[in-house]
Amino acid sequence: RELLGQMSLPEELWQRYPGQLSGGQQQRVGLCRALMMEPELLLLDEPFSALDAGLRGALRDQVCNVLRATGTTAVLVTHDQTEALTTADEVAVMRDGRVVQSGTPTELYRRPADLWIARFLGDVVELPGSAPDAQVRLVRPEQLRPTDASQAADLHGTVTSVRFGGPDAEVTIDVDGHDLMARWPSMALPEVGAQVSVTIEGSVLTLPAGSG
C-alpha cells in the first residue's frame, strides 16, 4: 500500500484487474512489484515511456527517492537524454553497442569527449576556431547571455529568429555569418532584427574538427 501510494495509484484502483488499468497504471504496478522484493540490483528498461510528460517527471522523482532510501542500485536504460541527465548518478553513453564515455551527468554535459556526444546530450553552439590544427569551439546555448551594449561583450550580432517556449526561448543570432542559438528567459525578449551584445558564461570547449 505504501508503494502504491508513492506511485500515485489511488485506493480505488487497488482492487481492479490488470485489464481494467491503463498502460501507464500497469507500468507503475510493475514497478511496485519489483521494488517490494527489495532487490539489490534493479534493471529499468524505459520504465516511464508510457506515461504523459507531467506524470513521468513526478514518478521518476518518486522512484529515485525510493531507490535511494532503500540503497538499491538501479540500471536505467533510456533514449531520453533529459531523463538520463536528471535521474542518474552516473551516465554511460553508448554508440554502436559500445560505451564511448561515462561519468557524472555534469561531466558528460560540460566535457563531452567528442562532437557526437556533445550533440547527442543537448543543443550546442559550434564555431570554427583558429588554432594551428582545425578546431571547433563549443558552448551550450544557455552560456550565451545577453548583456547591455555599454558593457564588455564577447559577441555582437543580429537577431534572426525568436522561438518562444514558455519559461524560456530560443534566440538565433547572426554573428559574422554564423547562426548561434541562445537560450534566454522569456520575460524580455529582443525583436527580430535587433542588434544584441552577448557574453559567454563559463568555459569554452575546444575539440578537433570532425571528431565524432
Protein backbone atom coordinates (compact mmCIF):
# COMPACT_ATOMS: atom_id res chain seq x y z
CA ARG A 1 0.00 0.00 0.00
CA GLU A 2 2.86 2.38 0.78
CA LEU A 3 4.50 1.76 -2.61
CA LEU A 4 1.19 2.10 -4.46
CA GLY A 5 0.66 5.43 -2.77
CA GLN A 6 4.19 6.57 -3.67
CA MET A 7 3.44 5.66 -7.28
CA SER A 8 0.37 7.92 -7.30
CA LEU A 9 -2.07 4.99 -7.64
CA PRO A 10 -5.23 5.90 -5.66
CA GLU A 11 -7.01 3.34 -3.49
CA GLU A 12 -9.95 2.99 -5.88
CA LEU A 13 -7.58 1.27 -8.34
CA TRP A 14 -6.18 -1.31 -5.94
CA GLN A 15 -8.99 -3.83 -6.45
CA ARG A 16 -9.06 -3.65 -10.23
CA TYR A 17 -7.89 -6.38 -12.58
CA PRO A 18 -4.92 -5.68 -14.89
CA GLY A 19 -7.20 -5.32 -17.89
CA GLN A 20 -9.05 -2.52 -16.10
CA LEU A 21 -5.87 -0.44 -15.74
CA SER A 22 -4.32 1.86 -18.31
CA GLY A 23 -0.88 1.07 -19.73
CA GLY A 24 0.72 3.68 -17.51
CA GLN A 25 -1.04 2.31 -14.42
CA GLN A 26 0.07 -1.22 -15.27
CA GLN A 27 3.62 0.04 -15.65
CA ARG A 28 3.54 1.62 -12.19
CA VAL A 29 2.14 -1.57 -10.65
CA GLY A 30 5.02 -3.45 -12.27
CA LEU A 31 7.49 -1.08 -10.63
CA CYS A 32 5.81 -1.65 -7.26
CA ARG A 33 6.06 -5.43 -7.71
CA ALA A 34 9.78 -5.12 -8.42
CA LEU A 35 10.50 -2.72 -5.56
CA MET A 36 8.55 -4.67 -2.93
CA MET A 37 11.02 -7.56 -3.36
CA GLU A 38 13.76 -5.22 -2.08
CA PRO A 39 16.25 -6.24 -4.79
CA GLU A 40 19.94 -5.40 -4.59
CA LEU A 41 20.00 -4.57 -8.31
CA LEU A 42 17.09 -3.36 -10.42
CA LEU A 43 17.07 -3.11 -14.23
CA LEU A 44 14.70 -0.44 -15.53
CA ASP A 45 14.19 -0.61 -19.31
CA GLU A 46 12.33 2.55 -20.47
CA PRO A 47 10.11 2.37 -17.33
CA PHE A 48 8.39 5.73 -17.84
CA SER A 49 7.87 5.68 -21.61
CA ALA A 50 4.11 5.02 -21.46
CA LEU A 51 3.40 7.96 -19.15
CA ASP A 52 2.45 11.53 -20.01
CA ALA A 53 5.09 14.20 -19.51
CA GLY A 54 3.75 15.58 -16.21
CA LEU A 55 3.36 12.19 -14.54
CA ARG A 56 6.65 10.94 -15.97
CA GLY A 57 8.68 13.58 -14.15
CA ALA A 58 6.85 13.16 -10.84
CA LEU A 59 7.03 9.36 -10.92
CA ARG A 60 10.71 9.45 -11.88
CA ASP A 61 11.44 11.53 -8.79
CA GLN A 62 9.39 9.16 -6.62
CA VAL A 63 11.19 6.08 -7.90
CA CYS A 64 14.61 7.72 -7.37
CA ASN A 65 13.64 8.64 -3.81
CA VAL A 66 12.58 5.03 -3.10
CA LEU A 67 15.78 3.63 -4.61
CA ARG A 68 18.00 5.96 -2.62
CA ALA A 69 16.03 5.37 0.59
CA THR A 70 16.44 1.59 0.22
CA GLY A 71 20.02 1.73 -1.06
CA THR A 72 19.02 -0.12 -4.23
CA THR A 73 21.33 0.09 -7.24
CA ALA A 74 19.43 0.57 -10.50
CA VAL A 75 20.46 0.45 -14.14
CA LEU A 76 18.17 2.65 -16.21
CA VAL A 77 18.07 2.16 -19.99
CA THR A 78 16.62 5.17 -21.79
CA HIS A 79 16.71 7.04 -25.08
CA ASP A 80 15.62 10.24 -23.30
CA GLN A 81 18.74 12.34 -22.69
CA THR A 82 16.96 14.63 -20.21
CA GLU A 83 15.77 11.63 -18.24
CA ALA A 84 19.30 10.24 -18.06
CA LEU A 85 20.87 13.54 -17.00
CA THR A 86 18.25 14.32 -14.34
CA THR A 87 18.00 10.82 -12.87
CA ALA A 88 21.39 9.17 -12.84
CA ASP A 89 24.35 9.45 -10.50
CA GLU A 90 26.49 8.17 -13.39
CA VAL A 91 25.68 8.15 -17.10
CA ALA A 92 27.14 5.85 -19.77
CA VAL A 93 26.66 6.92 -23.40
CA MET A 94 26.54 4.05 -25.90
CA ARG A 95 27.23 4.25 -29.62
CA ASP A 96 27.16 1.23 -31.95
CA GLY A 97 26.89 -1.10 -28.96
CA ARG A 98 29.91 0.33 -27.14
CA VAL A 99 30.23 2.68 -24.17
CA VAL A 100 32.02 5.74 -25.56
CA GLN A 101 32.01 7.90 -22.41
CA SER A 102 30.84 7.59 -18.82
CA GLY A 103 30.81 9.92 -15.85
CA THR A 104 28.52 12.14 -13.84
CA PRO A 105 25.79 13.99 -15.76
CA THR A 106 27.64 17.28 -15.20
CA GLU A 107 30.92 15.87 -16.53
CA LEU A 108 29.36 14.47 -19.68
CA TYR A 109 27.30 17.56 -20.42
CA ARG A 110 30.12 20.04 -19.85
CA ARG A 111 33.08 17.95 -21.03
CA PRO A 112 31.88 15.63 -23.82
CA ALA A 113 34.64 13.54 -25.37
CA ASP A 114 33.70 14.40 -28.95
CA LEU A 115 31.22 16.36 -31.05
CA TRP A 116 28.87 13.40 -31.47
CA ILE A 117 28.42 13.07 -27.70
CA ALA A 118 28.09 16.84 -27.31
CA ARG A 119 25.29 16.97 -29.88
CA PHE A 120 23.66 13.82 -28.52
CA LEU A 121 23.35 15.22 -24.99
CA GLY A 122 21.85 18.59 -25.89
CA ASP A 123 21.89 21.65 -28.09
CA VAL A 124 25.32 23.04 -28.90
CA VAL A 125 26.74 26.19 -30.42
CA GLU A 126 29.67 25.42 -32.72
CA LEU A 127 32.19 27.90 -34.10
CA PRO A 128 35.34 27.23 -36.14
CA GLY A 129 38.48 28.06 -34.20
CA SER A 130 41.82 29.44 -35.37
CA ALA A 131 44.27 27.00 -33.79
CA PRO A 132 47.09 25.59 -35.99
CA ASP A 133 45.06 22.41 -36.40
CA ALA A 134 41.42 22.68 -37.41
CA GLN A 135 39.38 23.14 -34.26
CA VAL A 136 35.75 23.60 -33.27
CA ARG A 137 34.82 25.75 -30.29
CA LEU A 138 31.77 24.54 -28.41
CA VAL A 139 29.41 26.14 -25.89
CA ARG A 140 25.85 25.38 -24.79
CA PRO A 141 23.03 27.80 -25.73
CA GLU A 142 22.42 28.73 -22.08
CA GLN A 143 26.02 30.01 -21.85
CA LEU A 144 25.27 32.82 -24.31
CA ARG A 145 23.84 35.58 -22.13
CA PRO A 146 22.53 38.99 -23.25
CA THR A 147 24.43 41.99 -21.99
CA ASP A 148 23.96 45.73 -22.08
CA ALA A 149 25.64 47.41 -25.03
CA SER A 150 27.61 49.61 -22.61
CA GLN A 151 29.24 46.56 -21.02
CA ALA A 152 32.06 44.43 -22.37
CA ALA A 153 30.75 41.69 -24.66
CA ASP A 154 32.25 38.64 -26.35
CA LEU A 155 29.99 38.73 -29.41
CA HIS A 156 27.79 41.16 -31.31
CA GLY A 157 25.13 40.15 -33.80
CA THR A 158 21.64 40.45 -35.25
CA VAL A 159 18.62 38.51 -34.02
CA THR A 160 17.23 36.45 -36.91
CA SER A 161 14.54 34.44 -35.09
CA VAL A 162 12.89 34.07 -31.69
CA ARG A 163 11.11 30.84 -30.78
CA PHE A 164 9.02 31.17 -27.63
CA GLY A 165 8.96 28.12 -25.36
CA GLY A 166 7.16 29.18 -22.19
CA PRO A 167 9.67 29.93 -19.42
CA ASP A 168 12.49 30.39 -21.94
CA ALA A 169 13.00 30.95 -25.64
CA GLU A 170 15.47 30.01 -28.36
CA VAL A 171 17.01 33.14 -29.88
CA THR A 172 19.02 32.76 -33.07
CA ILE A 173 21.72 35.38 -33.60
CA ASP A 174 23.72 36.00 -36.77
CA VAL A 175 27.33 36.68 -35.76
CA ASP A 176 29.62 37.29 -38.75
CA GLY A 177 27.62 34.88 -40.89
CA HIS A 178 27.31 32.17 -38.23
CA ASP A 179 23.88 31.37 -36.75
CA LEU A 180 24.23 30.94 -32.99
CA MET A 181 21.33 29.70 -30.88
CA ALA A 182 21.00 31.18 -27.39
CA ARG A 183 18.50 30.11 -24.72
CA TRP A 184 17.21 33.13 -22.80
CA PRO A 185 14.47 33.73 -20.21
CA SER A 186 11.25 34.67 -21.98
CA MET A 187 10.38 37.66 -19.78
CA ALA A 188 12.16 40.20 -22.01
CA LEU A 189 12.99 39.00 -25.49
CA PRO A 190 14.52 41.00 -28.35
CA GLU A 191 12.70 41.62 -31.60
CA VAL A 192 13.82 40.01 -34.84
CA GLY A 193 16.32 42.35 -36.48
CA ALA A 194 17.55 43.80 -33.18
CA GLN A 195 21.28 44.29 -32.61
CA VAL A 196 22.39 42.43 -29.46
CA SER A 197 25.56 42.00 -27.42
CA VAL A 198 26.36 38.63 -25.88
CA THR A 199 28.77 37.37 -23.23
CA ILE A 200 29.84 33.75 -22.82
CA GLU A 201 29.48 32.40 -19.29
CA GLY A 202 31.72 29.55 -18.27
CA SER A 203 34.38 27.79 -20.27
CA VAL A 204 34.53 27.12 -23.99
CA LEU A 205 35.32 23.55 -25.02
CA THR A 206 37.69 23.07 -27.96
CA LEU A 207 37.55 19.85 -29.99
CA PRO A 208 39.27 18.68 -33.19
CA ALA A 209 37.13 19.41 -36.23
CA GLY A 210 35.29 16.30 -37.39
CA SER A 211 35.62 14.48 -34.07
CA GLY A 212 32.72 12.13 -33.56
